[in-house]
């Protein structure tokens, strides 16, 4: 039973890593080009929401979190 729980815990951790990496990719893409139909307000709201998402996963990966904090703070300054 312990192995099953360890496997589940590792899967959750890996899912968080993927989610953080995907969020970083999306923010960098948004920084590069604004989607059709989005205005500055919508972009800023996405960065604000992303900050909340990243905060909820703090402690998963320091390097990814640092990169995410940098790009988010740059756009919310």
PDB file of N, CA and C in Angstrom:
ATOM      1  N   UNK A   1       0.819  -1.194   0.000  1.00  0.00           N
ATOM      2  CA  UNK A   1       0.000   0.000   0.000  1.00  0.00           C
ATOM      3  C   UNK A   1       0.865   1.262   0.000  1.00  0.00           C
ATOM      4  N   UNK A   2       1.989   1.230   0.674  1.00  0.00           N
ATOM      5  CA  UNK A   2       2.877   2.386   0.728  1.00  0.00           C
ATOM      6  C   UNK A   2       3.363   2.754  -0.666  1.00  0.00           C
ATOM      7  N   UNK A   3       3.719   1.780  -1.462  1.00  0.00           N
ATOM      8  CA  UNK A   3       4.195   2.053  -2.819  1.00  0.00           C
ATOM      9  C   UNK A   3       3.131   2.758  -3.646  1.00  0.00           C
ATOM     10  N   UNK A   4       1.880   2.350  -3.465  1.00  0.00           N
ATOM     11  CA  UNK A   4       0.782   2.973  -4.206  1.00  0.00           C
ATOM     12  C   UNK A   4       0.675   4.459  -3.852  1.00  0.00           C
ATOM     13  N   UNK A   5       0.783   4.777  -2.568  1.00  0.00           N
ATOM     14  CA  UNK A   5       0.697   6.171  -2.145  1.00  0.00           C
ATOM     15  C   UNK A   5       1.897   6.974  -2.606  1.00  0.00           C
ATOM     16  N   UNK A   6       3.063   6.374  -2.554  1.00  0.00           N
ATOM     17  CA  UNK A   6       4.267   7.052  -3.031  1.00  0.00           C
ATOM     18  C   UNK A   6       4.152   7.355  -4.518  1.00  0.00           C
ATOM     19  N   UNK A   7       3.630   6.408  -5.261  1.00  0.00           N
ATOM     20  CA  UNK A   7       3.441   6.597  -6.699  1.00  0.00           C
ATOM     21  C   UNK A   7       2.462   7.736  -6.963  1.00  0.00           C
ATOM     22  N   UNK A   8       1.391   7.782  -6.189  1.00  0.00           N
ATOM     23  CA  UNK A   8       0.390   8.842  -6.337  1.00  0.00           C
ATOM     24  C   UNK A   8       1.000  10.206  -6.016  1.00  0.00           C
ATOM     25  N   UNK A   9       1.774  10.266  -4.954  1.00  0.00           N
ATOM     26  CA  UNK A   9       2.418  11.522  -4.552  1.00  0.00           C
ATOM     27  C   UNK A   9       3.378  12.002  -5.647  1.00  0.00           C
ATOM     28  N   UNK A  10       4.144  11.068  -6.218  1.00  0.00           N
ATOM     29  CA  UNK A  10       5.086  11.410  -7.286  1.00  0.00           C
ATOM     30  C   UNK A  10       4.338  11.889  -8.528  1.00  0.00           C
ATOM     31  N   UNK A  11       3.213  11.258  -8.830  1.00  0.00           N
ATOM     32  CA  UNK A  11       2.406  11.675  -9.984  1.00  0.00           C
ATOM     33  C   UNK A  11       1.888  13.095  -9.797  1.00  0.00           C
ATOM     34  N   UNK A  12       1.437  13.418  -8.591  1.00  0.00           N
ATOM     35  CA  UNK A  12       0.958  14.769  -8.310  1.00  0.00           C
ATOM     36  C   UNK A  12       2.087  15.783  -8.468  1.00  0.00           C
ATOM     37  N   UNK A  13       3.269  15.428  -7.986  1.00  0.00           N
ATOM     38  CA  UNK A  13       4.421  16.313  -8.104  1.00  0.00           C
ATOM     39  C   UNK A  13       4.762  16.549  -9.574  1.00  0.00           C
ATOM     40  N   UNK A  14       4.793  15.484 -10.356  1.00  0.00           N
ATOM     41  CA  UNK A  14       5.099  15.612 -11.781  1.00  0.00           C
ATOM     42  C   UNK A  14       4.037  16.439 -12.499  1.00  0.00           C
ATOM     43  N   UNK A  15       2.788  16.283 -12.112  1.00  0.00           N
ATOM     44  CA  UNK A  15       1.712  17.074 -12.715  1.00  0.00           C
ATOM     45  C   UNK A  15       1.904  18.560 -12.413  1.00  0.00           C
ATOM     46  N   UNK A  16       2.330  18.871 -11.201  1.00  0.00           N
ATOM     47  CA  UNK A  16       2.594  20.267 -10.844  1.00  0.00           C
ATOM     48  C   UNK A  16       3.745  20.833 -11.670  1.00  0.00           C
ATOM     49  N   UNK A  17       4.782  20.034 -11.872  1.00  0.00           N
ATOM     50  CA  UNK A  17       5.907  20.488 -12.699  1.00  0.00           C
ATOM     51  C   UNK A  17       5.450  20.805 -14.114  1.00  0.00           C
ATOM     52  N   UNK A  18       4.652  19.928 -14.683  1.00  0.00           N
ATOM     53  CA  UNK A  18       4.141  20.146 -16.040  1.00  0.00           C
ATOM     54  C   UNK A  18       3.282  21.404 -16.072  1.00  0.00           C
ATOM     55  N   UNK A  19       2.449  21.582 -15.062  1.00  0.00           N
ATOM     56  CA  UNK A  19       1.571  22.750 -15.017  1.00  0.00           C
ATOM     57  C   UNK A  19       2.383  24.047 -14.927  1.00  0.00           C
ATOM     58  N   UNK A  20       3.423  24.058 -14.098  1.00  0.00           N
ATOM     59  CA  UNK A  20       4.268  25.248 -13.979  1.00  0.00           C
ATOM     60  C   UNK A  20       5.006  25.539 -15.280  1.00  0.00           C
ATOM     61  N   UNK A  21       5.546  24.504 -15.904  1.00  0.00           N
ATOM     62  CA  UNK A  21       6.265  24.687 -17.170  1.00  0.00           C
ATOM     63  C   UNK A  21       5.320  25.187 -18.257  1.00  0.00           C
ATOM     64  N   UNK A  22       4.107  24.651 -18.292  1.00  0.00           N
ATOM     65  CA  UNK A  22       3.117  25.087 -19.272  1.00  0.00           C
ATOM     66  C   UNK A  22       2.727  26.543 -19.031  1.00  0.00           C
ATOM     67  N   UNK A  23       2.585  26.917 -17.774  1.00  0.00           N
ATOM     68  CA  UNK A  23       2.239  28.303 -17.431  1.00  0.00           C
ATOM     69  C   UNK A  23       3.351  29.244 -17.896  1.00  0.00           C
ATOM     70  N   UNK A  24       4.599  28.848 -17.699  1.00  0.00           N
ATOM     71  CA  UNK A  24       5.729  29.670 -18.144  1.00  0.00           C
ATOM     72  C   UNK A  24       5.706  29.827 -19.661  1.00  0.00           C
ATOM     73  N   UNK A  25       5.474  28.744 -20.370  1.00  0.00           N
ATOM     74  CA  UNK A  25       5.403  28.794 -21.833  1.00  0.00           C
ATOM     75  C   UNK A  25       4.279  29.735 -22.269  1.00  0.00           C
ATOM     76  N   UNK A  26       3.111  29.600 -21.652  1.00  0.00           N
ATOM     77  CA  UNK A  26       1.970  30.443 -22.021  1.00  0.00           C
ATOM     78  C   UNK A  26       2.251  31.919 -21.769  1.00  0.00           C
ATOM     79  N   UNK A  27       2.873  32.231 -20.643  1.00  0.00           N
ATOM     80  CA  UNK A  27       3.176  33.630 -20.333  1.00  0.00           C
ATOM     81  C   UNK A  27       4.217  34.204 -21.287  1.00  0.00           C
ATOM     82  N   UNK A  28       5.210  33.408 -21.622  1.00  0.00           N
ATOM     83  CA  UNK A  28       6.213  33.874 -22.591  1.00  0.00           C
ATOM     84  C   UNK A  28       5.573  34.080 -23.957  1.00  0.00           C
ATOM     85  N   UNK A  29       4.671  33.203 -24.333  1.00  0.00           N
ATOM     86  CA  UNK A  29       3.970  33.336 -25.607  1.00  0.00           C
ATOM     87  C   UNK A  29       3.095  34.588 -25.594  1.00  0.00           C
ATOM     88  N   UNK A  30       2.424  34.825 -24.490  1.00  0.00           N
ATOM     89  CA  UNK A  30       1.580  36.007 -24.351  1.00  0.00           C
ATOM     90  C   UNK A  30       2.415  37.280 -24.381  1.00  0.00           C
ATOM     91  N   UNK A  31       3.604  37.208 -23.851  1.00  0.00           N
ATOM     92  CA  UNK A  31       4.533  38.339 -23.874  1.00  0.00           C
ATOM     93  C   UNK A  31       4.962  38.647 -25.313  1.00  0.00           C
ATOM     94  N   UNK A  32       5.094  37.605 -26.099  1.00  0.00           N
ATOM     95  CA  UNK A  32       5.545  37.737 -27.485  1.00  0.00           C
ATOM     96  C   UNK A  32       4.431  38.260 -28.397  1.00  0.00           C
ATOM     97  N   UNK A  33       3.214  37.758 -28.213  1.00  0.00           N
ATOM     98  CA  UNK A  33       2.108  38.143 -29.090  1.00  0.00           C
ATOM     99  C   UNK A  33       0.786  38.072 -28.330  1.00  0.00           C
ATOM    100  N   UNK A  34      -0.006  39.116 -28.450  1.00  0.00           N
ATOM    101  CA  UNK A  34      -1.321  39.152 -27.824  1.00  0.00           C
ATOM    102  C   UNK A  34      -2.321  38.398 -28.697  1.00  0.00           C
ATOM    103  N   UNK A  35      -3.088  37.486 -28.109  1.00  0.00           N
ATOM    104  CA  UNK A  35      -4.079  36.739 -28.896  1.00  0.00           C
ATOM    105  C   UNK A  35      -5.128  37.664 -29.515  1.00  0.00           C
ATOM    106  N   UNK A  36      -5.642  37.261 -30.631  1.00  0.00           N
ATOM    107  CA  UNK A  36      -6.697  38.021 -31.302  1.00  0.00           C
ATOM    108  C   UNK A  36      -7.880  38.153 -30.341  1.00  0.00           C
ATOM    109  N   UNK A  37      -8.376  39.360 -30.211  1.00  0.00           N
ATOM    110  CA  UNK A  37      -9.523  39.609 -29.355  1.00  0.00           C
ATOM    111  C   UNK A  37      -9.173  39.969 -27.913  1.00  0.00           C
ATOM    112  N   UNK A  38      -7.913  39.887 -27.556  1.00  0.00           N
ATOM    113  CA  UNK A  38      -7.490  40.250 -26.207  1.00  0.00           C
ATOM    114  C   UNK A  38      -7.004  41.691 -26.209  1.00  0.00           C
ATOM    115  N   UNK A  39      -7.374  42.443 -25.165  1.00  0.00           N
ATOM    116  CA  UNK A  39      -6.840  43.789 -24.998  1.00  0.00           C
ATOM    117  C   UNK A  39      -5.853  43.773 -23.820  1.00  0.00           C
ATOM    118  N   UNK A  40      -5.272  44.923 -23.530  1.00  0.00           N
ATOM    119  CA  UNK A  40      -4.267  44.999 -22.452  1.00  0.00           C
ATOM    120  C   UNK A  40      -4.843  44.572 -21.106  1.00  0.00           C
ATOM    121  N   UNK A  41      -6.094  44.937 -20.890  1.00  0.00           N
ATOM    122  CA  UNK A  41      -6.745  44.585 -19.626  1.00  0.00           C
ATOM    123  C   UNK A  41      -6.841  43.068 -19.471  1.00  0.00           C
ATOM    124  N   UNK A  42      -7.221  42.393 -20.536  1.00  0.00           N
ATOM    125  CA  UNK A  42      -7.349  40.925 -20.504  1.00  0.00           C
ATOM    126  C   UNK A  42      -5.987  40.273 -20.256  1.00  0.00           C
ATOM    127  N   UNK A  43      -4.959  40.801 -20.884  1.00  0.00           N
ATOM    128  CA  UNK A  43      -3.601  40.270 -20.687  1.00  0.00           C
ATOM    129  C   UNK A  43      -3.191  40.446 -19.229  1.00  0.00           C
ATOM    130  N   UNK A  44      -3.436  41.626 -18.672  1.00  0.00           N
ATOM    131  CA  UNK A  44      -3.069  41.887 -17.278  1.00  0.00           C
ATOM    132  C   UNK A  44      -3.832  40.960 -16.333  1.00  0.00           C
ATOM    133  N   UNK A  45      -5.106  40.725 -16.615  1.00  0.00           N
ATOM    134  CA  UNK A  45      -5.900  39.812 -15.795  1.00  0.00           C
ATOM    135  C   UNK A  45      -5.334  38.398 -15.845  1.00  0.00           C
ATOM    136  N   UNK A  46      -4.850  37.972 -16.998  1.00  0.00           N
ATOM    137  CA  UNK A  46      -4.247  36.644 -17.128  1.00  0.00           C
ATOM    138  C   UNK A  46      -2.979  36.549 -16.278  1.00  0.00           C
ATOM    139  N   UNK A  47      -2.177  37.607 -16.286  1.00  0.00           N
ATOM    140  CA  UNK A  47      -0.970  37.612 -15.460  1.00  0.00           C
ATOM    141  C   UNK A  47      -1.330  37.598 -13.971  1.00  0.00           C
ATOM    142  N   UNK A  48      -2.368  38.332 -13.571  1.00  0.00           N
ATOM    143  CA  UNK A  48      -2.807  38.322 -12.172  1.00  0.00           C
ATOM    144  C   UNK A  48      -3.270  36.923 -11.763  1.00  0.00           C
ATOM    145  N   UNK A  49      -4.071  36.297 -12.611  1.00  0.00           N
ATOM    146  CA  UNK A  49      -4.562  34.950 -12.335  1.00  0.00           C
ATOM    147  C   UNK A  49      -3.396  33.965 -12.252  1.00  0.00           C
ATOM    148  N   UNK A  50      -2.435  34.126 -13.149  1.00  0.00           N
ATOM    149  CA  UNK A  50      -1.265  33.245 -13.160  1.00  0.00           C
ATOM    150  C   UNK A  50      -0.480  33.360 -11.860  1.00  0.00           C
ATOM    151  N   UNK A  51      -0.409  34.567 -11.321  1.00  0.00           N
ATOM    152  CA  UNK A  51       0.295  34.773 -10.050  1.00  0.00           C
ATOM    153  C   UNK A  51      -0.370  33.958  -8.940  1.00  0.00           C
ATOM    154  N   UNK A  52      -1.692  33.916  -8.935  1.00  0.00           N
ATOM    155  CA  UNK A  52      -2.425  33.131  -7.937  1.00  0.00           C
ATOM    156  C   UNK A  52      -2.174  31.635  -8.119  1.00  0.00           C
ATOM    157  N   UNK A  53      -2.172  31.190  -9.365  1.00  0.00           N
ATOM    158  CA  UNK A  53      -1.938  29.773  -9.662  1.00  0.00           C
ATOM    159  C   UNK A  53      -0.545  29.360  -9.195  1.00  0.00           C
ATOM    160  N   UNK A  54       0.452  30.168  -9.518  1.00  0.00           N
ATOM    161  CA  UNK A  54       1.833  29.857  -9.142  1.00  0.00           C
ATOM    162  C   UNK A  54       1.979  29.870  -7.617  1.00  0.00           C
ATOM    163  N   UNK A  55       1.348  30.817  -6.960  1.00  0.00           N
ATOM    164  CA  UNK A  55       1.423  30.895  -5.495  1.00  0.00           C
ATOM    165  C   UNK A  55       0.867  29.626  -4.848  1.00  0.00           C
ATOM    166  N   UNK A  56      -0.161  29.056  -5.449  1.00  0.00           N
ATOM    167  CA  UNK A  56      -0.768  27.839  -4.906  1.00  0.00           C
ATOM    168  C   UNK A  56       0.148  26.625  -5.038  1.00  0.00           C
ATOM    169  N   UNK A  57       1.159  26.713  -5.908  1.00  0.00           N
ATOM    170  CA  UNK A  57       2.061  25.585  -6.127  1.00  0.00           C
ATOM    171  C   UNK A  57       3.479  25.860  -5.625  1.00  0.00           C
ATOM    172  N   UNK A  58       3.642  26.897  -4.811  1.00  0.00           N
ATOM    173  CA  UNK A  58       4.967  27.229  -4.278  1.00  0.00           C
ATOM    174  C   UNK A  58       5.583  26.017  -3.597  1.00  0.00           C
ATOM    175  N   UNK A  59       6.880  25.877  -3.796  1.00  0.00           N
ATOM    176  CA  UNK A  59       7.601  24.769  -3.196  1.00  0.00           C
ATOM    177  C   UNK A  59       7.746  23.566  -4.107  1.00  0.00           C
ATOM    178  N   UNK A  60       7.242  23.683  -5.332  1.00  0.00           N
ATOM    179  CA  UNK A  60       7.330  22.571  -6.279  1.00  0.00           C
ATOM    180  C   UNK A  60       8.682  22.554  -6.971  1.00  0.00           C
ATOM    181  N   UNK A  61       9.079  23.716  -7.523  1.00  0.00           N
ATOM    182  CA  UNK A  61      10.356  23.802  -8.231  1.00  0.00           C
ATOM    183  C   UNK A  61      10.841  25.247  -8.175  1.00  0.00           C
ATOM    184  N   UNK A  62      11.881  25.478  -7.420  1.00  0.00           N
ATOM    185  CA  UNK A  62      12.385  26.835  -7.181  1.00  0.00           C
ATOM    186  C   UNK A  62      12.765  27.557  -8.473  1.00  0.00           C
ATOM    187  N   UNK A  63      13.412  26.862  -9.393  1.00  0.00           N
ATOM    188  CA  UNK A  63      13.849  27.506 -10.638  1.00  0.00           C
ATOM    189  C   UNK A  63      12.669  27.948 -11.491  1.00  0.00           C
ATOM    190  N   UNK A  64      11.697  27.069 -11.688  1.00  0.00           N
ATOM    191  CA  UNK A  64      10.512  27.444 -12.464  1.00  0.00           C
ATOM    192  C   UNK A  64       9.762  28.585 -11.783  1.00  0.00           C
ATOM    193  N   UNK A  65       9.625  28.496 -10.480  1.00  0.00           N
ATOM    194  CA  UNK A  65       8.905  29.527  -9.741  1.00  0.00           C
ATOM    195  C   UNK A  65       9.599  30.881  -9.845  1.00  0.00           C
ATOM    196  N   UNK A  66      10.914  30.894  -9.826  1.00  0.00           N
ATOM    197  CA  UNK A  66      11.664  32.140  -9.962  1.00  0.00           C
ATOM    198  C   UNK A  66      11.438  32.751 -11.351  1.00  0.00           C
ATOM    199  N   UNK A  67      11.498  31.927 -12.392  1.00  0.00           N
ATOM    200  CA  UNK A  67      11.254  32.416 -13.752  1.00  0.00           C
ATOM    201  C   UNK A  67       9.829  32.947 -13.889  1.00  0.00           C
ATOM    202  N   UNK A  68       8.880  32.230 -13.319  1.00  0.00           N
ATOM    203  CA  UNK A  68       7.481  32.666 -13.371  1.00  0.00           C
ATOM    204  C   UNK A  68       7.287  33.968 -12.601  1.00  0.00           C
ATOM    205  N   UNK A  69       7.853  34.059 -11.411  1.00  0.00           N
ATOM    206  CA  UNK A  69       7.740  35.295 -10.626  1.00  0.00           C
ATOM    207  C   UNK A  69       8.318  36.482 -11.391  1.00  0.00           C
ATOM    208  N   UNK A  70       9.452  36.284 -12.039  1.00  0.00           N
ATOM    209  CA  UNK A  70      10.090  37.372 -12.795  1.00  0.00           C
ATOM    210  C   UNK A  70       9.191  37.882 -13.915  1.00  0.00           C
ATOM    211  N   UNK A  71       8.657  36.973 -14.724  1.00  0.00           N
ATOM    212  CA  UNK A  71       7.844  37.403 -15.863  1.00  0.00           C
ATOM    213  C   UNK A  71       6.518  38.009 -15.393  1.00  0.00           C
ATOM    214  N   UNK A  72       5.941  37.437 -14.350  1.00  0.00           N
ATOM    215  CA  UNK A  72       4.674  37.958 -13.829  1.00  0.00           C
ATOM    216  C   UNK A  72       4.880  39.346 -13.233  1.00  0.00           C
ATOM    217  N   UNK A  73       5.886  39.491 -12.386  1.00  0.00           N
ATOM    218  CA  UNK A  73       6.132  40.789 -11.746  1.00  0.00           C
ATOM    219  C   UNK A  73       6.485  41.871 -12.756  1.00  0.00           C
ATOM    220  N   UNK A  74       7.166  41.488 -13.819  1.00  0.00           N
ATOM    221  CA  UNK A  74       7.502  42.454 -14.868  1.00  0.00           C
ATOM    222  C   UNK A  74       6.232  43.032 -15.497  1.00  0.00           C
ATOM    223  N   UNK A  75       5.216  42.210 -15.648  1.00  0.00           N
ATOM    224  CA  UNK A  75       3.990  42.661 -16.311  1.00  0.00           C
ATOM    225  C   UNK A  75       2.969  43.275 -15.363  1.00  0.00           C
ATOM    226  N   UNK A  76       3.164  43.071 -14.087  1.00  0.00           N
ATOM    227  CA  UNK A  76       2.238  43.657 -13.122  1.00  0.00           C
ATOM    228  C   UNK A  76       2.805  44.899 -12.450  1.00  0.00           C
ATOM    229  N   UNK A  77       4.032  45.256 -12.802  1.00  0.00           N
ATOM    230  CA  UNK A  77       4.675  46.433 -12.195  1.00  0.00           C
ATOM    231  C   UNK A  77       4.075  47.719 -12.711  1.00  0.00           C
TER     232      UNK A  77
END
